[in-house]
Amino acid sequence: MAGQRPVALVTGAARRLGAAIARRLHAEGHDLALHWRSSGAEAHALAAELEALRPDSVLLLQADLAEFDRLPEMVARTIGRFGRLDALVNNASAFSPTVLGSTTPAQWDELFASNARAPFFLAQAAAPHLAARGGAIVNMVDVYAERPLRGHAVYSMAKAALVMATRALALELAPKVRVNAIAPGAILWPDDGEPDIERQRALLARTPLARTGTPEEVAEAVHWLIAHAGYTTGQVLRLDGGRLLED
């Protein structure tokens, strides 16, 4: 029954990692508020798929996370629909190169908006509701928050900011809300443009487990942090196949 099941708000949920996270949490009994920005067809298809499995279990939230007013609105709409919020998964992320010497303030703003600013202010808006449920926040960071990716300085900086936000929020929101992060390595390759096969091979050659991870493995980790890691907060879980051991 709606109102009795745990509720998770997942940003960037229409496709790729976000969709895998949504499917796993739904299968584990969560009702879902699923945010999307521009992938409307995928978002509605996913919602239909999950609603067929359990009616009245999904709320779709369309928003540009760079628009500040939409952030507390998303939380308010989730509470209005389900009456509770147990988990926030900050998955949405912009990823694009920034060439040193020609990086613009607009590029900075775009990359920080989804990767650092929106997760913080969503957490701030969600915090009282999460505290009422003993809830959890999971932020999706990146191995490049620790070791920068050449040609992507601003993206790496934004993800590093989200790592610090994870630790700061874990301190600020304890003991009622746990806050952790996942730093994926090679999980999914970018799906825009031609794949760089040589770069992919070189990256996997530096990954001790010698394979890409799967979206389902990331979703499993998200669920563990939300549902089972009761004494874990302020931590970054590296889901990278051991890659940082080689770099």
Protein backbone atom coordinates (compact mmCIF):
# COMPACT_ATOMS: atom_id res chain seq x y z
CA MET A 1 0.00 0.00 0.00
CA ALA A 2 1.26 3.47 -0.84
CA GLY A 3 2.53 5.23 2.28
CA GLN A 4 3.76 2.01 3.89
CA ARG A 5 6.51 1.14 1.42
CA PRO A 6 9.87 2.94 1.53
CA VAL A 7 10.26 5.73 -1.03
CA ALA A 8 13.37 6.71 -2.98
CA LEU A 9 13.96 9.80 -5.11
CA VAL A 10 16.43 9.05 -7.92
CA THR A 11 17.79 11.78 -10.20
CA GLY A 12 18.79 11.06 -13.77
CA ALA A 13 16.69 7.92 -13.59
CA ALA A 14 15.46 7.52 -17.16
CA ARG A 15 18.35 5.54 -18.60
CA ARG A 16 21.75 3.92 -18.10
CA LEU A 17 22.83 3.70 -14.44
CA GLY A 18 19.79 5.60 -13.19
CA ALA A 19 17.36 3.17 -14.78
CA ALA A 20 19.26 0.18 -13.36
CA ILE A 21 19.16 1.75 -9.89
CA ALA A 22 15.43 2.43 -10.26
CA ARG A 23 14.69 -1.15 -11.31
CA ARG A 24 16.68 -2.61 -8.40
CA LEU A 25 15.12 -0.39 -5.76
CA HIS A 26 11.65 -1.04 -7.15
CA ALA A 27 12.28 -4.80 -7.09
CA GLU A 28 13.36 -4.47 -3.46
CA GLY A 29 10.04 -2.86 -2.57
CA HIS A 30 10.63 0.87 -2.92
CA ASP A 31 8.14 3.25 -4.44
CA LEU A 32 9.99 5.71 -6.64
CA ALA A 33 10.11 9.36 -7.60
CA LEU A 34 12.08 9.31 -10.84
CA HIS A 35 13.65 12.52 -12.11
CA TRP A 36 14.47 13.14 -15.76
CA ARG A 37 15.52 16.20 -17.71
CA SER A 38 15.40 15.46 -21.45
CA SER A 39 14.94 11.69 -21.82
CA GLY A 40 11.17 11.83 -21.72
CA ALA A 41 10.44 8.78 -23.85
CA GLU A 42 12.77 6.59 -21.79
CA ALA A 43 11.38 7.94 -18.52
CA HIS A 44 7.79 7.22 -19.44
CA ALA A 45 8.69 3.75 -20.76
CA LEU A 46 10.47 2.92 -17.50
CA ALA A 47 7.57 4.21 -15.43
CA ALA A 48 5.13 2.09 -17.46
CA GLU A 49 7.33 -0.96 -16.98
CA LEU A 50 7.49 -0.50 -13.21
CA GLU A 51 3.82 0.43 -12.87
CA ALA A 52 2.90 -2.80 -14.65
CA LEU A 53 4.77 -4.68 -11.95
CA ARG A 54 3.27 -2.67 -9.06
CA PRO A 55 0.57 -0.09 -9.76
CA ASP A 56 0.70 3.36 -8.18
CA SER A 57 4.39 3.02 -7.34
CA VAL A 58 6.09 5.61 -9.57
CA LEU A 59 6.06 9.41 -9.78
CA LEU A 60 7.82 11.08 -12.71
CA LEU A 61 9.54 14.41 -12.10
CA GLN A 62 10.81 16.44 -15.05
CA ALA A 63 13.26 19.18 -14.15
CA ASP A 64 16.44 20.95 -15.15
CA LEU A 65 18.57 20.58 -12.02
CA ALA A 66 20.28 23.90 -12.79
CA GLU A 67 17.00 25.64 -11.89
CA PHE A 68 17.24 26.01 -8.13
CA ASP A 69 13.50 26.30 -7.41
CA ARG A 70 12.86 22.91 -8.98
CA LEU A 71 14.98 21.14 -6.33
CA PRO A 72 12.80 21.69 -3.24
CA GLU A 73 9.78 21.34 -5.52
CA MET A 74 10.85 17.80 -6.45
CA VAL A 75 11.09 16.85 -2.79
CA ALA A 76 7.74 18.48 -2.03
CA ARG A 77 6.03 16.64 -4.88
CA THR A 78 7.48 13.35 -3.68
CA ILE A 79 6.14 13.93 -0.18
CA GLY A 80 2.82 15.07 -1.59
CA ARG A 81 2.45 11.86 -3.58
CA PHE A 82 3.84 9.26 -1.17
CA GLY A 83 3.80 10.95 2.23
CA ARG A 84 7.39 10.00 3.04
CA LEU A 85 10.96 9.90 1.75
CA ASP A 86 13.44 7.22 2.81
CA ALA A 87 16.28 7.61 0.31
CA LEU A 88 17.78 10.14 -2.07
CA VAL A 89 20.04 8.94 -4.89
CA ASN A 90 21.90 11.78 -6.58
CA ASN A 91 22.71 10.04 -9.84
CA ALA A 92 22.20 12.76 -12.48
CA SER A 93 25.46 13.99 -13.95
CA ALA A 94 26.73 16.15 -16.78
CA PHE A 95 29.98 14.98 -18.40
CA SER A 96 31.83 16.97 -21.03
CA PRO A 97 35.43 18.02 -21.73
CA THR A 98 36.81 21.42 -20.76
CA VAL A 99 39.99 22.38 -22.56
CA LEU A 100 42.30 24.46 -20.40
CA GLY A 101 42.68 27.86 -22.03
CA SER A 102 39.22 27.92 -23.53
CA THR A 103 36.98 26.77 -20.66
CA THR A 104 34.01 29.12 -20.18
CA PRO A 105 31.98 30.10 -17.11
CA ALA A 106 28.96 28.50 -18.80
CA GLN A 107 30.78 25.15 -18.94
CA TRP A 108 31.76 25.54 -15.29
CA ASP A 109 28.17 26.32 -14.29
CA GLU A 110 26.75 23.39 -16.26
CA LEU A 111 29.13 20.83 -14.80
CA PHE A 112 28.88 22.07 -11.23
CA ALA A 113 25.08 22.43 -11.40
CA SER A 114 24.31 18.73 -11.78
CA ASN A 115 27.44 17.25 -10.22
CA ALA A 116 27.70 19.31 -7.03
CA ARG A 117 25.14 22.10 -6.58
CA ALA A 118 21.92 20.15 -7.16
CA PRO A 119 22.92 17.15 -4.99
CA PHE A 120 23.70 19.46 -2.07
CA PHE A 121 20.47 21.44 -2.27
CA LEU A 122 18.37 18.34 -2.87
CA ALA A 123 19.94 16.84 0.25
CA GLN A 124 19.16 20.02 2.17
CA ALA A 125 15.52 19.94 1.09
CA ALA A 126 15.18 16.21 1.72
CA ALA A 127 16.99 16.13 5.07
CA PRO A 128 13.99 16.66 7.43
CA HIS A 129 11.97 13.99 5.64
CA LEU A 130 14.87 11.55 5.56
CA ALA A 131 15.56 12.16 9.24
CA ALA A 132 11.97 11.26 10.07
CA ARG A 133 12.51 7.85 8.46
CA GLY A 134 16.13 7.18 9.50
CA GLY A 135 16.92 7.47 5.80
CA ALA A 136 19.98 7.60 3.58
CA ILE A 137 21.57 9.55 0.76
CA VAL A 138 23.76 8.00 -1.94
CA ASN A 139 25.78 10.28 -4.21
CA MET A 140 27.26 9.05 -7.47
CA VAL A 141 30.79 10.41 -7.68
CA ASP A 142 33.67 9.17 -9.85
CA VAL A 143 37.15 7.74 -9.62
CA TYR A 144 38.19 10.97 -11.36
CA ALA A 145 37.28 12.90 -8.21
CA GLU A 146 40.50 11.50 -6.76
CA ARG A 147 42.69 11.37 -9.85
CA PRO A 148 41.73 13.90 -12.54
CA LEU A 149 40.86 12.97 -16.09
CA ARG A 150 42.96 14.82 -18.64
CA GLY A 151 40.89 17.36 -20.56
CA HIS A 152 38.08 17.23 -17.97
CA ALA A 153 39.37 19.47 -15.17
CA VAL A 154 36.03 21.07 -14.30
CA TYR A 155 34.16 17.74 -14.28
CA SER A 156 36.81 16.23 -12.00
CA MET A 157 36.63 19.27 -9.71
CA ALA A 158 32.84 19.07 -9.52
CA LYS A 159 32.92 15.40 -8.57
CA ALA A 160 35.60 16.15 -5.96
CA ALA A 161 33.24 18.76 -4.51
CA LEU A 162 30.53 16.09 -4.30
CA VAL A 163 32.90 13.81 -2.41
CA MET A 164 33.45 16.56 0.15
CA ALA A 165 29.70 17.23 0.26
CA THR A 166 29.17 13.55 1.03
CA ARG A 167 31.51 13.73 4.01
CA ALA A 168 30.22 17.09 5.22
CA LEU A 169 26.58 16.05 4.96
CA ALA A 170 27.32 12.77 6.73
CA LEU A 171 28.66 14.82 9.65
CA GLU A 172 25.88 17.41 9.59
CA LEU A 173 22.99 14.97 9.25
CA ALA A 174 24.15 12.29 11.68
CA PRO A 175 22.88 10.36 13.49
CA LYS A 176 19.49 10.28 11.78
CA VAL A 177 20.58 10.30 8.10
CA ARG A 178 23.47 8.33 6.60
CA VAL A 179 25.28 9.80 3.58
CA ASN A 180 27.61 7.79 1.35
CA ALA A 181 28.89 7.81 -2.21
CA ILE A 182 29.81 5.36 -4.96
CA ALA A 183 32.75 6.02 -7.28
CA PRO A 184 32.30 3.85 -10.38
CA GLY A 185 35.16 3.06 -12.71
CA ALA A 186 34.50 1.69 -16.18
CA ILE A 187 30.83 0.75 -16.13
CA LEU A 188 29.26 2.21 -19.27
CA TRP A 189 31.10 3.96 -22.07
CA PRO A 190 29.75 7.32 -23.28
CA ASP A 191 26.98 6.75 -25.81
CA ASP A 192 27.50 9.92 -27.82
CA GLY A 193 29.92 9.88 -30.73
CA GLU A 194 32.19 7.12 -31.99
CA PRO A 195 33.71 4.87 -29.30
CA ASP A 196 37.44 5.23 -28.69
CA ILE A 197 38.31 1.54 -28.84
CA GLU A 198 42.01 2.00 -28.14
CA ARG A 199 41.32 4.12 -25.08
CA GLN A 200 38.84 1.55 -23.80
CA ARG A 201 41.38 -1.23 -24.21
CA ALA A 202 44.05 0.79 -22.44
CA LEU A 203 41.72 1.53 -19.55
CA LEU A 204 40.74 -2.11 -19.12
CA ALA A 205 44.41 -3.09 -19.25
CA ARG A 206 44.85 -0.99 -16.07
CA THR A 207 41.85 -2.62 -14.36
CA PRO A 208 42.87 -5.67 -12.30
CA LEU A 209 39.50 -7.40 -12.76
CA ALA A 210 39.99 -6.96 -16.55
CA ARG A 211 36.38 -6.10 -17.41
CA THR A 212 33.86 -3.33 -17.22
CA GLY A 213 31.42 -3.35 -14.37
CA THR A 214 27.70 -3.58 -14.97
CA PRO A 215 24.89 -1.16 -14.15
CA GLU A 216 23.35 -3.93 -12.07
CA GLU A 217 26.48 -4.07 -9.88
CA VAL A 218 26.19 -0.35 -9.25
CA ALA A 219 22.49 -0.73 -8.44
CA GLU A 220 23.31 -3.53 -6.01
CA ALA A 221 25.78 -1.26 -4.22
CA VAL A 222 23.23 1.56 -4.04
CA HIS A 223 20.67 -0.77 -2.51
CA TRP A 224 23.23 -2.07 0.01
CA LEU A 225 24.12 1.44 1.12
CA ILE A 226 20.46 2.37 1.50
CA ALA A 227 19.09 -0.78 3.09
CA HIS A 228 21.89 -2.67 4.83
CA ALA A 229 24.87 -0.43 5.61
CA GLY A 230 23.47 0.75 8.90
CA TYR A 231 26.85 1.62 10.46
CA THR A 232 28.37 3.20 7.35
CA THR A 233 28.35 6.93 6.69
CA GLY A 234 30.65 9.46 5.07
CA GLN A 235 32.28 6.78 2.92
CA VAL A 236 33.09 6.53 -0.79
CA LEU A 237 32.73 3.01 -2.16
CA ARG A 238 35.05 2.49 -5.13
CA LEU A 239 33.32 0.29 -7.67
CA ASP A 240 36.18 0.26 -10.15
CA GLY A 241 37.44 -3.30 -10.50
CA GLY A 242 40.58 -2.29 -8.62
CA ARG A 243 41.52 0.31 -11.20
CA LEU A 244 43.02 2.88 -8.83
CA LEU A 245 45.45 0.19 -7.66
CA GLU A 246 47.04 0.28 -11.11
CA ASP A 247 46.91 3.98 -12.02
